[in-house]
C-alpha atoms as a PDB file:
ATOM      1  CA  MET A   1      10.858  17.394 -31.997  1.00  0.00           C
ATOM      2  CA  SER A   2       8.232  16.392 -34.546  1.00  0.00           C
ATOM      3  CA  GLN A   3       5.084  18.175 -35.576  1.00  0.00           C
ATOM      4  CA  ILE A   4       1.658  16.585 -35.924  1.00  0.00           C
ATOM      5  CA  LEU A   5      -1.230  18.218 -37.697  1.00  0.00           C
ATOM      6  CA  LEU A   6      -4.644  17.166 -36.407  1.00  0.00           C
ATOM      7  CA  PHE A   7      -7.104  17.541 -39.290  1.00  0.00           C
ATOM      8  CA  ASN A   8     -10.871  17.085 -39.359  1.00  0.00           C
ATOM      9  CA  LYS A   9     -11.288  15.488 -42.778  1.00  0.00           C
ATOM     10  CA  PRO A  10     -14.646  16.386 -44.311  1.00  0.00           C
ATOM     11  CA  PHE A  11     -16.889  13.840 -46.027  1.00  0.00           C
ATOM     12  CA  ASN A  12     -16.039  13.234 -49.700  1.00  0.00           C
ATOM     13  CA  VAL A  13     -12.392  14.348 -49.441  1.00  0.00           C
ATOM     14  CA  LEU A  14      -9.683  11.966 -50.640  1.00  0.00           C
ATOM     15  CA  CYS A  15      -7.044  11.132 -48.057  1.00  0.00           C
ATOM     16  CA  GLN A  16      -4.179  12.052 -50.404  1.00  0.00           C
ATOM     17  CA  PHE A  17      -2.731  15.225 -51.886  1.00  0.00           C
ATOM     18  CA  THR A  18      -3.194  14.370 -55.571  1.00  0.00           C
ATOM     19  CA  ASP A  19      -5.927  12.596 -57.462  1.00  0.00           C
ATOM     20  CA  ASP A  20      -5.909  10.373 -60.510  1.00  0.00           C
ATOM     21  CA  PRO A  21      -5.539  12.617 -63.608  1.00  0.00           C
ATOM     22  CA  GLN A  22      -8.819  11.300 -65.037  1.00  0.00           C
ATOM     23  CA  TYR A  23     -10.611  13.130 -62.178  1.00  0.00           C
ATOM     24  CA  GLN A  24      -8.643  16.364 -62.639  1.00  0.00           C
ATOM     25  CA  ASP A  25     -10.220  18.997 -60.350  1.00  0.00           C
ATOM     26  CA  GLN A  26     -13.425  16.960 -59.897  1.00  0.00           C
ATOM     27  CA  ARG A  27     -12.714  15.638 -56.389  1.00  0.00           C
ATOM     28  CA  GLU A  28     -11.334  17.350 -53.314  1.00  0.00           C
ATOM     29  CA  THR A  29      -8.052  16.116 -51.847  1.00  0.00           C
ATOM     30  CA  LEU A  30      -5.983  17.054 -48.802  1.00  0.00           C
ATOM     31  CA  ALA A  31      -4.329  19.714 -50.988  1.00  0.00           C
ATOM     32  CA  ASN A  32      -7.583  21.683 -50.873  1.00  0.00           C
ATOM     33  CA  TYR A  33      -7.109  22.071 -47.093  1.00  0.00           C
ATOM     34  CA  ILE A  34      -3.470  21.475 -46.099  1.00  0.00           C
ATOM     35  CA  LYS A  35      -0.980  24.072 -47.345  1.00  0.00           C
ATOM     36  CA  MET A  36       2.034  22.917 -45.299  1.00  0.00           C
ATOM     37  CA  PRO A  37       4.868  21.368 -47.344  1.00  0.00           C
ATOM     38  CA  ASP A  38       6.403  18.055 -46.290  1.00  0.00           C
ATOM     39  CA  PHE A  39       3.423  16.887 -44.221  1.00  0.00           C
ATOM     40  CA  TYR A  40       2.043  13.463 -45.026  1.00  0.00           C
ATOM     41  CA  ALA A  41      -0.941  11.503 -43.787  1.00  0.00           C
ATOM     42  CA  ALA A  42      -0.184   8.944 -41.087  1.00  0.00           C
ATOM     43  CA  GLY A  43      -2.824   6.383 -41.968  1.00  0.00           C
ATOM     44  CA  ARG A  44      -5.952   6.667 -44.039  1.00  0.00           C
ATOM     45  CA  LEU A  45      -9.587   7.578 -43.757  1.00  0.00           C
ATOM     46  CA  ASP A  46     -11.920   6.573 -46.560  1.00  0.00           C
ATOM     47  CA  ARG A  47     -13.396   9.247 -48.815  1.00  0.00           C
ATOM     48  CA  ASP A  48     -16.881   8.572 -47.394  1.00  0.00           C
ATOM     49  CA  SER A  49     -15.669   8.810 -43.785  1.00  0.00           C
ATOM     50  CA  GLU A  50     -15.113  11.941 -41.722  1.00  0.00           C
ATOM     51  CA  GLY A  51     -13.090  13.052 -38.764  1.00  0.00           C
ATOM     52  CA  LEU A  52      -9.617  12.883 -37.305  1.00  0.00           C
ATOM     53  CA  LEU A  53      -6.671  12.374 -39.627  1.00  0.00           C
ATOM     54  CA  LEU A  54      -3.101  12.833 -38.416  1.00  0.00           C
ATOM     55  CA  LEU A  55      -0.419  14.263 -40.681  1.00  0.00           C
ATOM     56  CA  THR A  56       3.237  14.664 -39.782  1.00  0.00           C
ATOM     57  CA  ASP A  57       6.538  15.935 -41.152  1.00  0.00           C
ATOM     58  CA  ASP A  58       8.430  13.030 -39.508  1.00  0.00           C
ATOM     59  CA  GLY A  59       8.690   9.800 -41.539  1.00  0.00           C
ATOM     60  CA  LYS A  60       9.481   7.608 -38.522  1.00  0.00           C
ATOM     61  CA  LEU A  61       6.514   8.990 -36.612  1.00  0.00           C
ATOM     62  CA  GLN A  62       4.307   8.547 -39.683  1.00  0.00           C
ATOM     63  CA  HIS A  63       5.287   4.871 -39.768  1.00  0.00           C
ATOM     64  CA  LEU A  64       4.738   4.453 -36.018  1.00  0.00           C
ATOM     65  CA  ILE A  65       1.215   5.878 -36.241  1.00  0.00           C
ATOM     66  CA  SER A  66       0.114   4.077 -39.395  1.00  0.00           C
ATOM     67  CA  ASP A  67       1.720   0.646 -39.027  1.00  0.00           C
ATOM     68  CA  PRO A  68      -0.922  -1.799 -37.691  1.00  0.00           C
ATOM     69  CA  LYS A  69       1.649  -3.690 -35.611  1.00  0.00           C
ATOM     70  CA  HIS A  70       1.871  -0.684 -33.263  1.00  0.00           C
ATOM     71  CA  LYS A  71      -1.886  -0.996 -32.573  1.00  0.00           C
ATOM     72  CA  TRP A  72      -2.835   2.597 -31.870  1.00  0.00           C
ATOM     73  CA  ALA A  73      -6.476   2.466 -30.791  1.00  0.00           C
ATOM     74  CA  LYS A  74      -8.903   4.349 -33.031  1.00  0.00           C
ATOM     75  CA  THR A  75     -12.357   5.463 -31.886  1.00  0.00           C
ATOM     76  CA  TYR A  76     -15.278   6.077 -34.218  1.00  0.00           C
ATOM     77  CA  LEU A  77     -18.811   7.409 -33.906  1.00  0.00           C
ATOM     78  CA  VAL A  78     -20.933   5.268 -36.166  1.00  0.00           C
ATOM     79  CA  GLN A  79     -24.490   5.916 -37.294  1.00  0.00           C
ATOM     80  CA  VAL A  80     -26.065   2.648 -38.382  1.00  0.00           C
ATOM     81  CA  GLU A  81     -29.278   1.784 -40.141  1.00  0.00           C
ATOM     82  CA  GLY A  82     -31.767   0.236 -37.742  1.00  0.00           C
ATOM     83  CA  GLU A  83     -32.022   0.082 -33.960  1.00  0.00           C
ATOM     84  CA  ALA A  84     -28.767  -1.647 -32.932  1.00  0.00           C
ATOM     85  CA  THR A  85     -29.486  -4.579 -30.630  1.00  0.00           C
ATOM     86  CA  VAL A  86     -27.726  -5.738 -27.468  1.00  0.00           C
ATOM     87  CA  GLN A  87     -26.819  -8.933 -29.354  1.00  0.00           C
ATOM     88  CA  ALA A  88     -25.185  -6.969 -32.195  1.00  0.00           C
ATOM     89  CA  VAL A  89     -23.163  -4.906 -29.713  1.00  0.00           C
ATOM     90  CA  LYS A  90     -21.990  -8.104 -27.973  1.00  0.00           C
ATOM     91  CA  GLN A  91     -20.961  -9.635 -31.315  1.00  0.00           C
ATOM     92  CA  LEU A  92     -18.922  -6.526 -32.168  1.00  0.00           C
ATOM     93  CA  GLN A  93     -17.306  -6.615 -28.703  1.00  0.00           C
ATOM     94  CA  GLN A  94     -16.288 -10.255 -29.135  1.00  0.00           C
ATOM     95  CA  GLY A  95     -15.020  -9.986 -32.711  1.00  0.00           C
ATOM     96  CA  VAL A  96     -16.755 -10.518 -36.020  1.00  0.00           C
ATOM     97  CA  LYS A  97     -15.949 -12.990 -38.789  1.00  0.00           C
ATOM     98  CA  LEU A  98     -15.196 -11.158 -42.029  1.00  0.00           C
ATOM     99  CA  LYS A  99     -14.031 -12.560 -45.367  1.00  0.00           C
ATOM    100  CA  ASP A 100     -10.413 -11.860 -44.394  1.00  0.00           C
ATOM    101  CA  GLY A 101     -10.710 -13.396 -40.925  1.00  0.00           C
ATOM    102  CA  MET A 102     -11.908 -12.600 -37.433  1.00  0.00           C
ATOM    103  CA  THR A 103     -11.620  -9.085 -36.098  1.00  0.00           C
ATOM    104  CA  LYS A 104     -10.124  -8.571 -32.690  1.00  0.00           C
ATOM    105  CA  PRO A 105     -12.563  -7.745 -29.896  1.00  0.00           C
ATOM    106  CA  ALA A 106     -13.676  -4.109 -30.019  1.00  0.00           C
ATOM    107  CA  LYS A 107     -14.875  -1.699 -27.373  1.00  0.00           C
ATOM    108  CA  VAL A 108     -18.450  -0.920 -28.374  1.00  0.00           C
ATOM    109  CA  LYS A 109     -21.301   0.922 -26.731  1.00  0.00           C
ATOM    110  CA  LYS A 110     -24.602   2.284 -27.931  1.00  0.00           C
ATOM    111  CA  ILE A 111     -24.799   6.073 -27.526  1.00  0.00           C
ATOM    112  CA  ASN A 112     -27.192   8.932 -28.194  1.00  0.00           C
ATOM    113  CA  GLN A 113     -26.574  11.067 -31.260  1.00  0.00           C
ATOM    114  CA  PRO A 114     -23.842  13.536 -30.256  1.00  0.00           C
ATOM    115  CA  GLN A 115     -25.298  17.020 -29.785  1.00  0.00           C
ATOM    116  CA  TRP A 116     -22.067  18.710 -30.922  1.00  0.00           C
ATOM    117  CA  LEU A 117     -21.955  16.921 -34.276  1.00  0.00           C
ATOM    118  CA  TRP A 118     -21.964  19.006 -37.454  1.00  0.00           C
ATOM    119  CA  GLU A 119     -24.393  18.441 -40.332  1.00  0.00           C
ATOM    120  CA  ARG A 120     -22.983  16.307 -43.091  1.00  0.00           C
ATOM    121  CA  THR A 121     -23.038  17.610 -46.658  1.00  0.00           C
ATOM    122  CA  PRO A 122     -24.744  15.900 -48.341  1.00  0.00           C
ATOM    123  CA  PRO A 123     -26.882  14.440 -45.549  1.00  0.00           C
ATOM    124  CA  ILE A 124     -27.088  10.659 -45.138  1.00  0.00           C
ATOM    125  CA  ARG A 125     -29.882   8.858 -46.931  1.00  0.00           C
ATOM    126  CA  GLU A 126     -32.781   8.370 -44.585  1.00  0.00           C
ATOM    127  CA  ARG A 127     -35.743   6.077 -44.857  1.00  0.00           C
ATOM    128  CA  LYS A 128     -38.895   7.251 -43.131  1.00  0.00           C
ATOM    129  CA  ASN A 129     -39.796   3.809 -41.759  1.00  0.00           C
ATOM    130  CA  ILE A 130     -36.294   2.653 -40.716  1.00  0.00           C
ATOM    131  CA  PRO A 131     -34.726   4.244 -37.617  1.00  0.00           C
ATOM    132  CA  THR A 132     -31.013   4.827 -37.132  1.00  0.00           C
ATOM    133  CA  SER A 133     -28.868   4.447 -34.040  1.00  0.00           C
ATOM    134  CA  TRP A 134     -25.372   5.447 -32.934  1.00  0.00           C
ATOM    135  CA  LEU A 135     -22.463   3.368 -31.691  1.00  0.00           C
ATOM    136  CA  GLU A 136     -19.055   4.299 -30.341  1.00  0.00           C
ATOM    137  CA  ILE A 137     -16.524   1.728 -31.555  1.00  0.00           C
ATOM    138  CA  THR A 138     -12.840   1.507 -30.638  1.00  0.00           C
ATOM    139  CA  ILE A 139     -10.601  -0.880 -32.567  1.00  0.00           C
ATOM    140  CA  SER A 140      -6.870  -1.555 -32.416  1.00  0.00           C
ATOM    141  CA  GLU A 141      -6.368  -3.011 -35.872  1.00  0.00           C
ATOM    142  CA  GLY A 142      -6.861  -1.541 -39.310  1.00  0.00           C
ATOM    143  CA  LYS A 143      -8.377  -3.862 -41.859  1.00  0.00           C
ATOM    144  CA  ASN A 144      -9.684  -2.122 -44.971  1.00  0.00           C
ATOM    145  CA  ARG A 145     -13.078  -0.493 -44.251  1.00  0.00           C
ATOM    146  CA  GLN A 146     -13.172  -2.573 -41.077  1.00  0.00           C
ATOM    147  CA  VAL A 147     -15.808  -0.719 -39.038  1.00  0.00           C
ATOM    148  CA  ARG A 148     -18.218  -0.590 -41.983  1.00  0.00           C
ATOM    149  CA  ARG A 149     -17.746  -4.305 -42.641  1.00  0.00           C
ATOM    150  CA  MET A 150     -18.151  -5.143 -38.951  1.00  0.00           C
ATOM    151  CA  THR A 151     -21.475  -3.335 -38.550  1.00  0.00           C
ATOM    152  CA  ALA A 152     -22.782  -4.817 -41.812  1.00  0.00           C
ATOM    153  CA  ALA A 153     -21.772  -8.313 -40.629  1.00  0.00           C
ATOM    154  CA  VAL A 154     -24.021  -7.964 -37.564  1.00  0.00           C
ATOM    155  CA  GLY A 155     -26.943  -6.644 -39.633  1.00  0.00           C
ATOM    156  CA  PHE A 156     -26.590  -2.875 -39.155  1.00  0.00           C
ATOM    157  CA  PRO A 157     -25.015  -1.143 -42.169  1.00  0.00           C
ATOM    158  CA  THR A 158     -23.004   2.014 -41.485  1.00  0.00           C
ATOM    159  CA  LEU A 159     -24.560   5.236 -42.748  1.00  0.00           C
ATOM    160  CA  ARG A 160     -22.054   7.673 -41.269  1.00  0.00           C
ATOM    161  CA  LEU A 161     -18.578   7.147 -39.822  1.00  0.00           C
ATOM    162  CA  ILE A 162     -16.626   9.790 -37.877  1.00  0.00           C
ATOM    163  CA  ARG A 163     -13.213   9.076 -36.358  1.00  0.00           C
ATOM    164  CA  THR A 164     -12.782  11.000 -33.099  1.00  0.00           C
ATOM    165  CA  ARG A 165      -9.556   9.580 -31.648  1.00  0.00           C
ATOM    166  CA  ILE A 166      -6.247   8.006 -32.669  1.00  0.00           C
ATOM    167  CA  GLY A 167      -4.186   6.911 -29.671  1.00  0.00           C
ATOM    168  CA  ASP A 168      -4.044   9.937 -27.357  1.00  0.00           C
ATOM    169  CA  PHE A 169      -4.950  12.417 -30.116  1.00  0.00           C
ATOM    170  CA  GLN A 170      -8.549  13.652 -30.170  1.00  0.00           C
ATOM    171  CA  LEU A 171     -10.704  15.547 -32.643  1.00  0.00           C
ATOM    172  CA  LYS A 172     -12.098  17.752 -29.844  1.00  0.00           C
ATOM    173  CA  ASN A 173     -13.792  20.845 -31.300  1.00  0.00           C
ATOM    174  CA  LEU A 174     -12.156  20.958 -34.749  1.00  0.00           C
ATOM    175  CA  GLN A 175     -14.791  21.590 -37.390  1.00  0.00           C
ATOM    176  CA  PRO A 176     -14.667  19.913 -40.839  1.00  0.00           C
ATOM    177  CA  GLY A 177     -11.701  21.267 -42.816  1.00  0.00           C
ATOM    178  CA  GLU A 178     -10.006  22.738 -39.735  1.00  0.00           C
ATOM    179  CA  SER A 179      -6.601  21.673 -38.447  1.00  0.00           C
ATOM    180  CA  GLN A 180      -4.406  22.199 -35.419  1.00  0.00           C
ATOM    181  CA  LEU A 181      -0.595  21.951 -35.336  1.00  0.00           C
ATOM    182  CA  ILE A 182       1.013  20.453 -32.227  1.00  0.00           C
ATOM    183  CA  GLU A 183       4.562  19.575 -31.179  1.00  0.00           C
ATOM    184  CA  TYR A 184       5.200  15.934 -30.369  1.00  0.00           C
END
């Protein structure tokens, strides 16, 4: 039986256990939060993104989770700049042309700001005269910075990105920096 560690990665934390020596002790890594030996991240989450990251002590399971050909669906809450339009949502649902090709269709819906969501430190930049809106986006592929590039391509740049689900695993009520160990 394998073990999976569900971790709520805070904003501004690198998704690796060590950093480049030139940044010695200047940036937080997974080592600041995860003290379990032989656990490795199954996939990535950008430094400026938050939310669910899976770690495991099983190399085969790590590969299964992180390899794009297995297509584990990933769900994100996305705060975008501007009032997202019906047309933009439809474009995201159908697939968006990026520099490295078309994205696959995504499940996308406009939502209200989640009431349970923690404050981000530091807070997002806000402009007094430009509103923001929230989307829930589920994708089954993993191009580099894909969700951010998708929302920008339809005219609504991402301000905040929180992953809430990977396959059947959910963030639930884990707060930033918290983790939960489960048997798999």
